[in-house]
Amino acid sequence: MIRSTISEAARRGARFRPAVACVTWAIVSGAATAHAEPVKSDPAAAEALFKAGRDLVKKGDYAAGCPKFEAALALNPSAGTMLNIARCHEHDGKLATAWEDYHRARTLNRETAGDARKRELDDIANQGIKDLEPRLPRLKVVVTAPPAGIEVSRDGKDLPSGAWGEALPVDPGKHEVSARAPGRKPRTFEVTLEEGKTSTVEIALEVDTTPPSKGGVPVWAWIVGGAGLALVGVSAYFVYDDLAAIDALQKNCDVSYNGTYCASGYDYQADNRRKSLDFGLALGLGSAGVLALGAAIYGIATAPRSKPAESQGVAVTPWVGPGAAGASIFGRF
């Protein structure tokens, strides 16, 4: 359907030709557009959404009204709805987007029924394009001596080589241009575009002389890991010795309600001191060893690699044996 939501104030401020202005928006408000039915079209829902958007925009609530037009267009594309969307984008300062919308409205208008109405809608779209042309910000991206495999993007979207060197319409505000190529240092440029002005971004990628990272685990991780293993091993020995002292005390001393009695000639005080000392050393050295191993594992796991690892994992297993102790570390990095 062909529609308009332009208020009286907006019509007075529009820069349409006087001969067209007095009749154009009336046609956009009341005429119908015949067009090819899109898949899953819903003209009734589109009409309801359009009217809701029109009422909101008339009240000055563009933020709520304009999305209604977008939804109506998706359900039932028409030149009139597209023209209102163009007006919304123009109101929001998105001049290049509005300029594109006017062009799309002309395309949709090919399906409008009636030559007279089609001409009037073309006049609206053409006038909108004409009014925006001098106001459009433009951005020219110039690539000097482009190396093989170069990729240029504008605001995260690829900019094909055919667009390089052309002053293309872009909405006002901040924009980002990036370029990269194999063996070259990547570059990113930020530019702020102003209404009616053309800005140029010149790109010349320098050769990247930075030596490639060979990856590998940092030396400190191995040193700290080795120290951690040693501490855990020594701690395990003191655990073993502590258990041996406790076992000697249990074999040589009996505890009853009358007190503790030890075998004649047995120096229980020495084993008591040994037990207490072993416990403290095992706890302190073991804690330090675990912390050191944790730091080493982190360094190993986060080290840069020249090729993806098949799998990653680390396991530390302390062990204790008669007269010896230690720990083993297993993993794939």
C-alpha atoms as a PDB file:
ATOM      1  CA  MET A   1       0.000   0.000   0.000  1.00  0.00           C
ATOM      2  CA  ILE A   2       1.100   3.588  -0.614  1.00  0.00           C
ATOM      3  CA  ARG A   3       1.113   5.558   2.587  1.00  0.00           C
ATOM      4  CA  SER A   4       2.469   8.666   4.292  1.00  0.00           C
ATOM      5  CA  THR A   5       2.965   9.681   7.888  1.00  0.00           C
ATOM      6  CA  ILE A   6       4.350  13.168   7.316  1.00  0.00           C
ATOM      7  CA  SER A   7       2.757  15.652   9.716  1.00  0.00           C
ATOM      8  CA  GLU A   8       1.612  19.123   8.761  1.00  0.00           C
ATOM      9  CA  ALA A   9       4.822  20.607  10.212  1.00  0.00           C
ATOM     10  CA  ALA A  10       6.952  18.122   8.310  1.00  0.00           C
ATOM     11  CA  ARG A  11       5.113  18.879   5.080  1.00  0.00           C
ATOM     12  CA  ARG A  12       5.722  22.592   5.561  1.00  0.00           C
ATOM     13  CA  GLY A  13       9.458  21.916   6.128  1.00  0.00           C
ATOM     14  CA  ALA A  14       9.921  19.427   3.295  1.00  0.00           C
ATOM     15  CA  ARG A  15      11.922  20.578   0.341  1.00  0.00           C
ATOM     16  CA  PHE A  16       9.592  19.130  -2.291  1.00  0.00           C
ATOM     17  CA  ARG A  17       8.620  21.132  -5.363  1.00  0.00           C
ATOM     18  CA  PRO A  18       5.502  23.250  -4.586  1.00  0.00           C
ATOM     19  CA  ALA A  19       3.558  21.792  -7.497  1.00  0.00           C
ATOM     20  CA  VAL A  20       4.106  18.280  -6.198  1.00  0.00           C
ATOM     21  CA  ALA A  21       3.985  18.847  -2.442  1.00  0.00           C
ATOM     22  CA  CYS A  22       0.290  19.653  -2.217  1.00  0.00           C
ATOM     23  CA  VAL A  23      -0.818  16.377  -3.799  1.00  0.00           C
ATOM     24  CA  THR A  24       2.038  13.944  -3.232  1.00  0.00           C
ATOM     25  CA  TRP A  25       1.517  13.069   0.413  1.00  0.00           C
ATOM     26  CA  ALA A  26      -2.216  12.814  -0.068  1.00  0.00           C
ATOM     27  CA  ILE A  27      -1.543  10.117  -2.629  1.00  0.00           C
ATOM     28  CA  VAL A  28       0.946   8.426  -0.312  1.00  0.00           C
ATOM     29  CA  SER A  29      -1.716   8.477   2.408  1.00  0.00           C
ATOM     30  CA  GLY A  30      -4.641   7.100   0.478  1.00  0.00           C
ATOM     31  CA  ALA A  31      -3.584   5.212  -2.643  1.00  0.00           C
ATOM     32  CA  ALA A  32      -2.941   1.481  -2.830  1.00  0.00           C
ATOM     33  CA  THR A  33       0.021  -0.246  -4.478  1.00  0.00           C
ATOM     34  CA  ALA A  34      -0.324  -3.472  -6.375  1.00  0.00           C
ATOM     35  CA  HIS A  35       2.818  -5.575  -6.123  1.00  0.00           C
ATOM     36  CA  ALA A  36       3.931  -9.130  -6.414  1.00  0.00           C
ATOM     37  CA  GLU A  37       2.996 -11.148  -3.364  1.00  0.00           C
ATOM     38  CA  PRO A  38       6.143 -12.136  -1.420  1.00  0.00           C
ATOM     39  CA  VAL A  39       6.389 -15.448   0.316  1.00  0.00           C
ATOM     40  CA  LYS A  40       4.627 -15.384   3.714  1.00  0.00           C
ATOM     41  CA  SER A  41       3.167 -11.945   3.025  1.00  0.00           C
ATOM     42  CA  ASP A  42       0.511 -10.646   5.380  1.00  0.00           C
ATOM     43  CA  PRO A  43      -1.091  -7.476   3.978  1.00  0.00           C
ATOM     44  CA  ALA A  44      -3.589  -7.178   6.849  1.00  0.00           C
ATOM     45  CA  ALA A  45      -0.869  -7.294   9.509  1.00  0.00           C
ATOM     46  CA  ALA A  46       1.263  -4.917   7.446  1.00  0.00           C
ATOM     47  CA  GLU A  47      -1.636  -2.431   7.259  1.00  0.00           C
ATOM     48  CA  ALA A  48      -2.149  -2.587  11.040  1.00  0.00           C
ATOM     49  CA  LEU A  49       1.530  -2.082  11.698  1.00  0.00           C
ATOM     50  CA  PHE A  50       1.689   0.797   9.256  1.00  0.00           C
ATOM     51  CA  LYS A  51      -1.220   2.598  10.933  1.00  0.00           C
ATOM     52  CA  ALA A  52       0.373   2.071  14.367  1.00  0.00           C
ATOM     53  CA  GLY A  53       3.649   3.490  13.102  1.00  0.00           C
ATOM     54  CA  ARG A  54       1.890   6.427  11.454  1.00  0.00           C
ATOM     55  CA  ASP A  55       0.083   7.347  14.670  1.00  0.00           C
ATOM     56  CA  LEU A  56       3.294   7.196  16.707  1.00  0.00           C
ATOM     57  CA  VAL A  57       5.284   9.281  14.226  1.00  0.00           C
ATOM     58  CA  LYS A  58       2.520  11.884  14.080  1.00  0.00           C
ATOM     59  CA  LYS A  59       3.007  12.269  17.837  1.00  0.00           C
ATOM     60  CA  GLY A  60       6.744  12.701  17.298  1.00  0.00           C
ATOM     61  CA  ASP A  61       7.662   9.273  18.647  1.00  0.00           C
ATOM     62  CA  TYR A  62       9.976   8.159  15.844  1.00  0.00           C
ATOM     63  CA  ALA A  63      11.814   5.682  18.075  1.00  0.00           C
ATOM     64  CA  ALA A  64       8.654   3.609  18.519  1.00  0.00           C
ATOM     65  CA  GLY A  65       6.954   4.367  15.197  1.00  0.00           C
ATOM     66  CA  CYS A  66       9.717   3.713  12.688  1.00  0.00           C
ATOM     67  CA  PRO A  67      10.238   0.035  13.637  1.00  0.00           C
ATOM     68  CA  LYS A  68       6.535  -0.464  12.853  1.00  0.00           C
ATOM     69  CA  PHE A  69       7.202   0.610   9.267  1.00  0.00           C
ATOM     70  CA  GLU A  70      10.141  -1.799   9.068  1.00  0.00           C
ATOM     71  CA  ALA A  71       7.899  -4.641  10.225  1.00  0.00           C
ATOM     72  CA  ALA A  72       5.171  -3.638   7.776  1.00  0.00           C
ATOM     73  CA  LEU A  73       7.678  -3.609   4.918  1.00  0.00           C
ATOM     74  CA  ALA A  74       8.857  -7.115   5.787  1.00  0.00           C
ATOM     75  CA  LEU A  75       5.274  -8.408   5.666  1.00  0.00           C
ATOM     76  CA  ASN A  76       4.130  -6.513   2.562  1.00  0.00           C
ATOM     77  CA  PRO A  77       6.743  -4.453   0.652  1.00  0.00           C
ATOM     78  CA  SER A  78       5.449  -1.257  -0.948  1.00  0.00           C
ATOM     79  CA  ALA A  79       6.855   2.006  -2.231  1.00  0.00           C
ATOM     80  CA  GLY A  80       4.771   4.046   0.222  1.00  0.00           C
ATOM     81  CA  THR A  81       6.090   2.169   3.263  1.00  0.00           C
ATOM     82  CA  MET A  82       9.640   2.443   1.942  1.00  0.00           C
ATOM     83  CA  LEU A  83       9.265   6.206   1.562  1.00  0.00           C
ATOM     84  CA  ASN A  84       8.216   6.496   5.195  1.00  0.00           C
ATOM     85  CA  ILE A  85      11.214   4.439   6.258  1.00  0.00           C
ATOM     86  CA  ALA A  86      13.413   6.821   4.263  1.00  0.00           C
ATOM     87  CA  ARG A  87      11.875   9.712   6.172  1.00  0.00           C
ATOM     88  CA  CYS A  88      12.596   7.937   9.454  1.00  0.00           C
ATOM     89  CA  HIS A  89      16.254   7.454   8.595  1.00  0.00           C
ATOM     90  CA  GLU A  90      16.526  11.043   7.414  1.00  0.00           C
ATOM     91  CA  HIS A  91      15.044  12.184  10.724  1.00  0.00           C
ATOM     92  CA  ASP A  92      17.673  10.112  12.584  1.00  0.00           C
ATOM     93  CA  GLY A  93      20.495  11.697  10.571  1.00  0.00           C
ATOM     94  CA  LYS A  94      21.271   8.514   8.636  1.00  0.00           C
ATOM     95  CA  LEU A  95      21.500  10.362   5.347  1.00  0.00           C
ATOM     96  CA  ALA A  96      23.180   7.694   3.225  1.00  0.00           C
ATOM     97  CA  THR A  97      20.743   5.061   4.501  1.00  0.00           C
ATOM     98  CA  ALA A  98      17.795   7.337   3.675  1.00  0.00           C
ATOM     99  CA  TRP A  99      19.267   8.023   0.232  1.00  0.00           C
ATOM    100  CA  GLU A 100      19.435   4.267  -0.379  1.00  0.00           C
ATOM    101  CA  ASP A 101      15.841   3.895   0.879  1.00  0.00           C
ATOM    102  CA  TYR A 102      14.591   6.422  -1.690  1.00  0.00           C
ATOM    103  CA  HIS A 103      16.297   4.440  -4.436  1.00  0.00           C
ATOM    104  CA  ARG A 104      14.693   1.238  -3.188  1.00  0.00           C
ATOM    105  CA  ALA A 105      11.294   2.968  -3.106  1.00  0.00           C
ATOM    106  CA  ARG A 106      11.681   3.734  -6.809  1.00  0.00           C
ATOM    107  CA  THR A 107      12.346   0.048  -7.459  1.00  0.00           C
ATOM    108  CA  LEU A 108       9.297  -1.025  -5.461  1.00  0.00           C
ATOM    109  CA  ASN A 109       7.222   1.591  -7.255  1.00  0.00           C
ATOM    110  CA  ARG A 110       7.504  -0.391 -10.491  1.00  0.00           C
ATOM    111  CA  GLU A 111       4.765  -2.626  -9.083  1.00  0.00           C
ATOM    112  CA  THR A 112       2.435   0.257  -8.232  1.00  0.00           C
ATOM    113  CA  ALA A 113      -0.921   0.089 -10.008  1.00  0.00           C
ATOM    114  CA  GLY A 114      -1.820   3.107 -12.122  1.00  0.00           C
ATOM    115  CA  ASP A 115       0.543   5.259 -14.158  1.00  0.00           C
ATOM    116  CA  ALA A 116      -0.510   8.501 -12.507  1.00  0.00           C
ATOM    117  CA  ARG A 117       0.100   7.240  -9.000  1.00  0.00           C
ATOM    118  CA  LYS A 118       3.375   5.661 -10.061  1.00  0.00           C
ATOM    119  CA  ARG A 119       4.588   8.994 -11.458  1.00  0.00           C
ATOM    120  CA  GLU A 120       3.664  10.823  -8.270  1.00  0.00           C
ATOM    121  CA  LEU A 121       5.533   8.348  -6.076  1.00  0.00           C
ATOM    122  CA  ASP A 122       8.541   8.541  -8.369  1.00  0.00           C
ATOM    123  CA  ASP A 123       8.465  12.311  -7.939  1.00  0.00           C
ATOM    124  CA  ILE A 124       8.595  11.919  -4.149  1.00  0.00           C
ATOM    125  CA  ALA A 125      11.494   9.465  -4.288  1.00  0.00           C
ATOM    126  CA  ASN A 126      13.399  11.490  -6.877  1.00  0.00           C
ATOM    127  CA  GLN A 127      12.950  14.688  -4.872  1.00  0.00           C
ATOM    128  CA  GLY A 128      14.188  12.953  -1.726  1.00  0.00           C
ATOM    129  CA  ILE A 129      17.280  11.747  -3.591  1.00  0.00           C
ATOM    130  CA  LYS A 130      17.882  15.192  -5.047  1.00  0.00           C
ATOM    131  CA  ASP A 131      17.586  16.899  -1.667  1.00  0.00           C
ATOM    132  CA  LEU A 132      19.978  14.481   0.009  1.00  0.00           C
ATOM    133  CA  GLU A 133      22.676  14.429  -2.696  1.00  0.00           C
ATOM    134  CA  PRO A 134      24.500  17.616  -1.565  1.00  0.00           C
ATOM    135  CA  ARG A 135      24.211  16.656   2.100  1.00  0.00           C
ATOM    136  CA  LEU A 136      25.713  13.170   1.843  1.00  0.00           C
ATOM    137  CA  PRO A 137      29.050  12.493   3.573  1.00  0.00           C
ATOM    138  CA  ARG A 138      31.334  10.450   1.347  1.00  0.00           C
ATOM    139  CA  LEU A 139      34.287   8.247   2.129  1.00  0.00           C
ATOM    140  CA  LYS A 140      37.050   7.401  -0.324  1.00  0.00           C
ATOM    141  CA  VAL A 141      39.400   4.512   0.476  1.00  0.00           C
ATOM    142  CA  VAL A 142      42.616   4.596  -1.528  1.00  0.00           C
ATOM    143  CA  VAL A 143      44.916   1.564  -1.436  1.00  0.00           C
ATOM    144  CA  THR A 144      48.486   2.190  -2.547  1.00  0.00           C
ATOM    145  CA  ALA A 145      50.357  -0.725  -4.163  1.00  0.00           C
ATOM    146  CA  PRO A 146      47.948  -3.358  -2.809  1.00  0.00           C
ATOM    147  CA  PRO A 147      49.834  -6.558  -1.919  1.00  0.00           C
ATOM    148  CA  ALA A 148      48.542 -10.002  -2.801  1.00  0.00           C
ATOM    149  CA  GLY A 149      45.775 -11.253  -0.554  1.00  0.00           C
ATOM    150  CA  ILE A 150      44.903  -7.851   0.891  1.00  0.00           C
ATOM    151  CA  GLU A 151      41.537  -7.561   2.629  1.00  0.00           C
ATOM    152  CA  VAL A 152      39.914  -4.189   3.265  1.00  0.00           C
ATOM    153  CA  SER A 153      36.841  -3.680   5.410  1.00  0.00           C
ATOM    154  CA  ARG A 154      34.692  -0.732   6.398  1.00  0.00           C
ATOM    155  CA  ASP A 155      32.838  -0.978   9.712  1.00  0.00           C
ATOM    156  CA  GLY A 156      33.502  -4.708   9.773  1.00  0.00           C
ATOM    157  CA  LYS A 157      32.154  -5.394   6.271  1.00  0.00           C
ATOM    158  CA  ASP A 158      34.347  -6.308   3.304  1.00  0.00           C
ATOM    159  CA  LEU A 159      35.044  -3.479   0.894  1.00  0.00           C
ATOM    160  CA  PRO A 160      35.692  -5.003  -2.558  1.00  0.00           C
ATOM    161  CA  SER A 161      38.548  -3.716  -4.686  1.00  0.00           C
ATOM    162  CA  GLY A 162      36.087  -2.243  -7.178  1.00  0.00           C
ATOM    163  CA  ALA A 163      35.011   0.237  -4.505  1.00  0.00           C
ATOM    164  CA  TRP A 164      38.530   1.493  -3.791  1.00  0.00           C
ATOM    165  CA  GLY A 165      39.145   5.041  -4.926  1.00  0.00           C
ATOM    166  CA  GLU A 166      35.424   5.860  -5.153  1.00  0.00           C
ATOM    167  CA  ALA A 167      33.792   8.485  -2.939  1.00  0.00           C
ATOM    168  CA  LEU A 168      30.929   6.398  -1.570  1.00  0.00           C
ATOM    169  CA  PRO A 169      27.967   7.754   0.427  1.00  0.00           C
ATOM    170  CA  VAL A 170      28.174   6.889   4.128  1.00  0.00           C
ATOM    171  CA  ASP A 171      26.127   7.978   7.124  1.00  0.00           C
ATOM    172  CA  PRO A 172      27.599  10.832   9.201  1.00  0.00           C
ATOM    173  CA  GLY A 173      29.632   9.947  12.286  1.00  0.00           C
ATOM    174  CA  LYS A 174      32.530   7.688  13.181  1.00  0.00           C
ATOM    175  CA  HIS A 175      33.599   4.857  10.892  1.00  0.00           C
ATOM    176  CA  GLU A 176      36.447   2.347  10.945  1.00  0.00           C
ATOM    177  CA  VAL A 177      38.493   1.157   7.984  1.00  0.00           C
ATOM    178  CA  SER A 178      40.796  -1.854   8.397  1.00  0.00           C
ATOM    179  CA  ALA A 179      43.256  -3.566   6.072  1.00  0.00           C
ATOM    180  CA  ARG A 180      45.389  -6.671   6.351  1.00  0.00           C
ATOM    181  CA  ALA A 181      47.464  -8.886   4.082  1.00  0.00           C
ATOM    182  CA  PRO A 182      49.832 -11.837   4.481  1.00  0.00           C
ATOM    183  CA  GLY A 183      53.307 -10.652   5.490  1.00  0.00           C
ATOM    184  CA  ARG A 184      52.148  -7.067   6.116  1.00  0.00           C
ATOM    185  CA  LYS A 185      51.382  -5.128   9.283  1.00  0.00           C
ATOM    186  CA  PRO A 186      47.614  -4.720   9.691  1.00  0.00           C
ATOM    187  CA  ARG A 187      46.265  -1.175   9.870  1.00  0.00           C
ATOM    188  CA  THR A 188      43.079   0.322  11.298  1.00  0.00           C
ATOM    189  CA  PHE A 189      41.895   3.859  10.645  1.00  0.00           C
ATOM    190  CA  GLU A 190      39.096   5.748  12.401  1.00  0.00           C
ATOM    191  CA  VAL A 191      37.452   8.624  10.564  1.00  0.00           C
ATOM    192  CA  THR A 192      34.581  10.946  11.484  1.00  0.00           C
ATOM    193  CA  LEU A 193      32.428  11.967   8.521  1.00  0.00           C
ATOM    194  CA  GLU A 194      30.591  15.273   8.329  1.00  0.00           C
ATOM    195  CA  GLU A 195      27.513  16.201   6.327  1.00  0.00           C
ATOM    196  CA  GLY A 196      28.301  17.303   2.778  1.00  0.00           C
ATOM    197  CA  LYS A 197      32.041  16.552   3.026  1.00  0.00           C
ATOM    198  CA  THR A 198      34.284  13.887   1.482  1.00  0.00           C
ATOM    199  CA  SER A 199      36.994  12.228   3.550  1.00  0.00           C
ATOM    200  CA  THR A 200      39.828  10.080   2.221  1.00  0.00           C
ATOM    201  CA  VAL A 201      41.621   7.196   3.902  1.00  0.00           C
ATOM    202  CA  GLU A 202      44.921   6.209   2.283  1.00  0.00           C
ATOM    203  CA  ILE A 203      46.191   2.704   2.976  1.00  0.00           C
ATOM    204  CA  ALA A 204      49.761   1.531   2.424  1.00  0.00           C
ATOM    205  CA  LEU A 205      50.598  -1.660   4.292  1.00  0.00           C
ATOM    206  CA  GLU A 206      54.182  -2.003   5.486  1.00  0.00           C
ATOM    207  CA  VAL A 207      56.108  -5.263   5.368  1.00  0.00           C
ATOM    208  CA  ASP A 208      55.926  -7.047   8.716  1.00  0.00           C
ATOM    209  CA  THR A 209      59.524  -7.662   9.828  1.00  0.00           C
ATOM    210  CA  THR A 210      58.529  -9.067  13.208  1.00  0.00           C
ATOM    211  CA  PRO A 211      59.952 -12.590  13.510  1.00  0.00           C
ATOM    212  CA  PRO A 212      57.193 -15.167  13.759  1.00  0.00           C
ATOM    213  CA  SER A 213      56.549 -16.593  17.160  1.00  0.00           C
ATOM    214  CA  LYS A 214      57.952 -20.089  17.475  1.00  0.00           C
ATOM    215  CA  GLY A 215      55.800 -20.837  20.478  1.00  0.00           C
ATOM    216  CA  GLY A 216      57.052 -23.106  23.215  1.00  0.00           C
ATOM    217  CA  VAL A 217      56.825 -23.157  26.980  1.00  0.00           C
ATOM    218  CA  PRO A 218      58.640 -20.274  28.742  1.00  0.00           C
ATOM    219  CA  VAL A 219      61.758 -21.222  30.708  1.00  0.00           C
ATOM    220  CA  TRP A 220      60.368 -19.884  33.968  1.00  0.00           C
ATOM    221  CA  ALA A 221      57.498 -22.390  33.796  1.00  0.00           C
ATOM    222  CA  TRP A 222      59.940 -25.309  33.661  1.00  0.00           C
ATOM    223  CA  ILE A 223      62.054 -23.884  36.506  1.00  0.00           C
ATOM    224  CA  VAL A 224      59.048 -23.200  38.724  1.00  0.00           C
ATOM    225  CA  GLY A 225      57.562 -26.571  37.820  1.00  0.00           C
ATOM    226  CA  GLY A 226      60.786 -28.357  38.713  1.00  0.00           C
ATOM    227  CA  ALA A 227      60.988 -26.516  42.024  1.00  0.00           C
ATOM    228  CA  GLY A 228      57.366 -27.391  42.699  1.00  0.00           C
ATOM    229  CA  LEU A 229      58.002 -31.066  42.027  1.00  0.00           C
ATOM    230  CA  ALA A 230      61.009 -31.009  44.344  1.00  0.00           C
ATOM    231  CA  LEU A 231      59.017 -29.357  47.127  1.00  0.00           C
ATOM    232  CA  VAL A 232      56.163 -31.827  46.742  1.00  0.00           C
ATOM    233  CA  GLY A 233      58.646 -34.692  46.781  1.00  0.00           C
ATOM    234  CA  VAL A 234      60.373 -33.446  49.959  1.00  0.00           C
ATOM    235  CA  SER A 235      56.975 -32.829  51.535  1.00  0.00           C
ATOM    236  CA  ALA A 236      55.965 -36.390  50.720  1.00  0.00           C
ATOM    237  CA  TYR A 237      59.149 -37.645  52.426  1.00  0.00           C
ATOM    238  CA  PHE A 238      58.288 -35.752  55.625  1.00  0.00           C
ATOM    239  CA  VAL A 239      54.772 -37.202  55.473  1.00  0.00           C
ATOM    240  CA  TYR A 240      56.323 -40.653  55.272  1.00  0.00           C
ATOM    241  CA  ASP A 241      58.718 -39.896  58.153  1.00  0.00           C
ATOM    242  CA  ASP A 242      55.856 -38.455  60.233  1.00  0.00           C
ATOM    243  CA  LEU A 243      53.885 -41.668  59.748  1.00  0.00           C
ATOM    244  CA  ALA A 244      56.973 -43.674  60.756  1.00  0.00           C
ATOM    245  CA  ALA A 245      57.335 -41.655  63.985  1.00  0.00           C
ATOM    246  CA  ILE A 246      53.660 -42.166  64.813  1.00  0.00           C
ATOM    247  CA  ASP A 247      54.021 -45.877  64.162  1.00  0.00           C
ATOM    248  CA  ALA A 248      57.071 -46.072  66.520  1.00  0.00           C
ATOM    249  CA  LEU A 249      55.174 -44.260  69.269  1.00  0.00           C
ATOM    250  CA  GLN A 250      52.199 -46.589  68.930  1.00  0.00           C
ATOM    251  CA  LYS A 251      54.417 -49.690  69.099  1.00  0.00           C
ATOM    252  CA  ASN A 252      56.461 -48.570  72.115  1.00  0.00           C
ATOM    253  CA  CYS A 253      53.894 -46.726  74.202  1.00  0.00           C
ATOM    254  CA  ASP A 254      50.514 -47.597  75.730  1.00  0.00           C
ATOM    255  CA  VAL A 255      47.896 -45.003  76.554  1.00  0.00           C
ATOM    256  CA  SER A 256      45.533 -45.610  79.456  1.00  0.00           C
ATOM    257  CA  TYR A 257      43.387 -43.524  81.772  1.00  0.00           C
ATOM    258  CA  ASN A 258      46.305 -43.481  84.223  1.00  0.00           C
ATOM    259  CA  GLY A 259      48.659 -41.978  81.641  1.00  0.00           C
ATOM    260  CA  THR A 260      51.054 -42.978  78.909  1.00  0.00           C
ATOM    261  CA  TYR A 261      53.634 -45.706  79.506  1.00  0.00           C
ATOM    262  CA  CYS A 262      56.517 -46.388  77.111  1.00  0.00           C
ATOM    263  CA  ALA A 263      58.957 -49.261  76.897  1.00  0.00           C
ATOM    264  CA  SER A 264      62.116 -49.013  78.979  1.00  0.00           C
ATOM    265  CA  GLY A 265      64.953 -47.347  77.101  1.00  0.00           C
ATOM    266  CA  TYR A 266      62.607 -45.905  74.407  1.00  0.00           C
ATOM    267  CA  ASP A 267      63.124 -42.178  73.797  1.00  0.00           C
ATOM    268  CA  TYR A 268      59.525 -41.154  73.118  1.00  0.00           C
ATOM    269  CA  GLN A 269      60.370 -37.452  73.339  1.00  0.00           C
ATOM    270  CA  ALA A 270      62.614 -37.683  70.290  1.00  0.00           C
ATOM    271  CA  ASP A 271      59.840 -39.289  68.216  1.00  0.00           C
ATOM    272  CA  ASN A 272      57.336 -36.707  69.484  1.00  0.00           C
ATOM    273  CA  ARG A 273      59.609 -33.882  68.329  1.00  0.00           C
ATOM    274  CA  ARG A 274      60.212 -35.692  65.061  1.00  0.00           C
ATOM    275  CA  LYS A 275      56.468 -36.126  64.505  1.00  0.00           C
ATOM    276  CA  SER A 276      55.680 -32.460  65.165  1.00  0.00           C
ATOM    277  CA  LEU A 277      58.564 -31.224  62.995  1.00  0.00           C
ATOM    278  CA  ASP A 278      57.661 -33.565  60.126  1.00  0.00           C
ATOM    279  CA  PHE A 279      54.038 -32.414  60.145  1.00  0.00           C
ATOM    280  CA  GLY A 280      54.954 -28.714  59.948  1.00  0.00           C
ATOM    281  CA  LEU A 281      57.529 -29.239  57.204  1.00  0.00           C
ATOM    282  CA  ALA A 282      55.185 -31.462  55.179  1.00  0.00           C
ATOM    283  CA  LEU A 283      52.397 -28.906  55.368  1.00  0.00           C
ATOM    284  CA  GLY A 284      54.552 -25.866  54.528  1.00  0.00           C
ATOM    285  CA  LEU A 285      56.670 -27.428  51.802  1.00  0.00           C
ATOM    286  CA  GLY A 286      53.682 -29.246  50.282  1.00  0.00           C
ATOM    287  CA  SER A 287      51.636 -26.038  50.067  1.00  0.00           C
ATOM    288  CA  ALA A 288      54.521 -24.175  48.437  1.00  0.00           C
ATOM    289  CA  GLY A 289      55.043 -27.040  46.000  1.00  0.00           C
ATOM    290  CA  VAL A 290      51.386 -27.136  44.971  1.00  0.00           C
ATOM    291  CA  LEU A 291      51.377 -23.369  44.357  1.00  0.00           C
ATOM    292  CA  ALA A 292      54.569 -23.626  42.286  1.00  0.00           C
ATOM    293  CA  LEU A 293      53.103 -26.485  40.240  1.00  0.00           C
ATOM    294  CA  GLY A 294      49.910 -24.508  39.657  1.00  0.00           C
ATOM    295  CA  ALA A 295      51.918 -21.554  38.321  1.00  0.00           C
ATOM    296  CA  ALA A 296      53.957 -23.848  36.089  1.00  0.00           C
ATOM    297  CA  ILE A 297      50.877 -25.576  34.715  1.00  0.00           C
ATOM    298  CA  TYR A 298      49.339 -22.180  33.922  1.00  0.00           C
ATOM    299  CA  GLY A 299      52.506 -21.104  32.110  1.00  0.00           C
ATOM    300  CA  ILE A 300      52.572 -24.327  30.112  1.00  0.00           C
ATOM    301  CA  ALA A 301      48.877 -24.220  29.236  1.00  0.00           C
ATOM    302  CA  THR A 302      48.941 -20.575  28.076  1.00  0.00           C
ATOM    303  CA  ALA A 303      52.232 -20.719  26.178  1.00  0.00           C
ATOM    304  CA  PRO A 304      51.940 -19.795  22.455  1.00  0.00           C
ATOM    305  CA  ARG A 305      52.179 -22.729  20.095  1.00  0.00           C
ATOM    306  CA  SER A 306      53.317 -23.004  16.522  1.00  0.00           C
ATOM    307  CA  LYS A 307      50.573 -25.525  15.771  1.00  0.00           C
ATOM    308  CA  PRO A 308      47.320 -26.480  17.448  1.00  0.00           C
ATOM    309  CA  ALA A 309      47.650 -29.056  20.158  1.00  0.00           C
ATOM    310  CA  GLU A 310      45.695 -32.248  19.751  1.00  0.00           C
ATOM    311  CA  SER A 311      44.675 -32.172  23.368  1.00  0.00           C
ATOM    312  CA  GLN A 312      45.798 -30.537  26.557  1.00  0.00           C
ATOM    313  CA  GLY A 313      45.849 -31.785  30.103  1.00  0.00           C
ATOM    314  CA  VAL A 314      48.066 -31.997  33.131  1.00  0.00           C
ATOM    315  CA  ALA A 315      48.125 -34.454  36.028  1.00  0.00           C
ATOM    316  CA  VAL A 316      50.437 -34.348  39.041  1.00  0.00           C
ATOM    317  CA  THR A 317      50.786 -37.537  41.139  1.00  0.00           C
ATOM    318  CA  PRO A 318      52.869 -37.507  44.343  1.00  0.00           C
ATOM    319  CA  TRP A 319      54.254 -40.860  45.465  1.00  0.00           C
ATOM    320  CA  VAL A 320      55.827 -42.242  48.617  1.00  0.00           C
ATOM    321  CA  GLY A 321      57.993 -45.334  49.002  1.00  0.00           C
ATOM    322  CA  PRO A 322      60.245 -46.865  51.636  1.00  0.00           C
ATOM    323  CA  GLY A 323      63.052 -44.396  52.149  1.00  0.00           C
ATOM    324  CA  ALA A 324      62.116 -42.179  49.157  1.00  0.00           C
ATOM    325  CA  ALA A 325      59.375 -39.894  47.859  1.00  0.00           C
ATOM    326  CA  GLY A 326      58.568 -37.680  44.889  1.00  0.00           C
ATOM    327  CA  ALA A 327      55.918 -36.678  42.352  1.00  0.00           C
ATOM    328  CA  SER A 328      55.240 -37.299  38.661  1.00  0.00           C
ATOM    329  CA  ILE A 329      53.743 -34.863  36.163  1.00  0.00           C
ATOM    330  CA  PHE A 330      51.935 -36.136  33.056  1.00  0.00           C
ATOM    331  CA  GLY A 331      50.360 -34.205  30.210  1.00  0.00           C
ATOM    332  CA  ARG A 332      50.229 -33.298  26.544  1.00  0.00           C
ATOM    333  CA  PHE A 333      50.887 -29.704  25.525  1.00  0.00           C
END
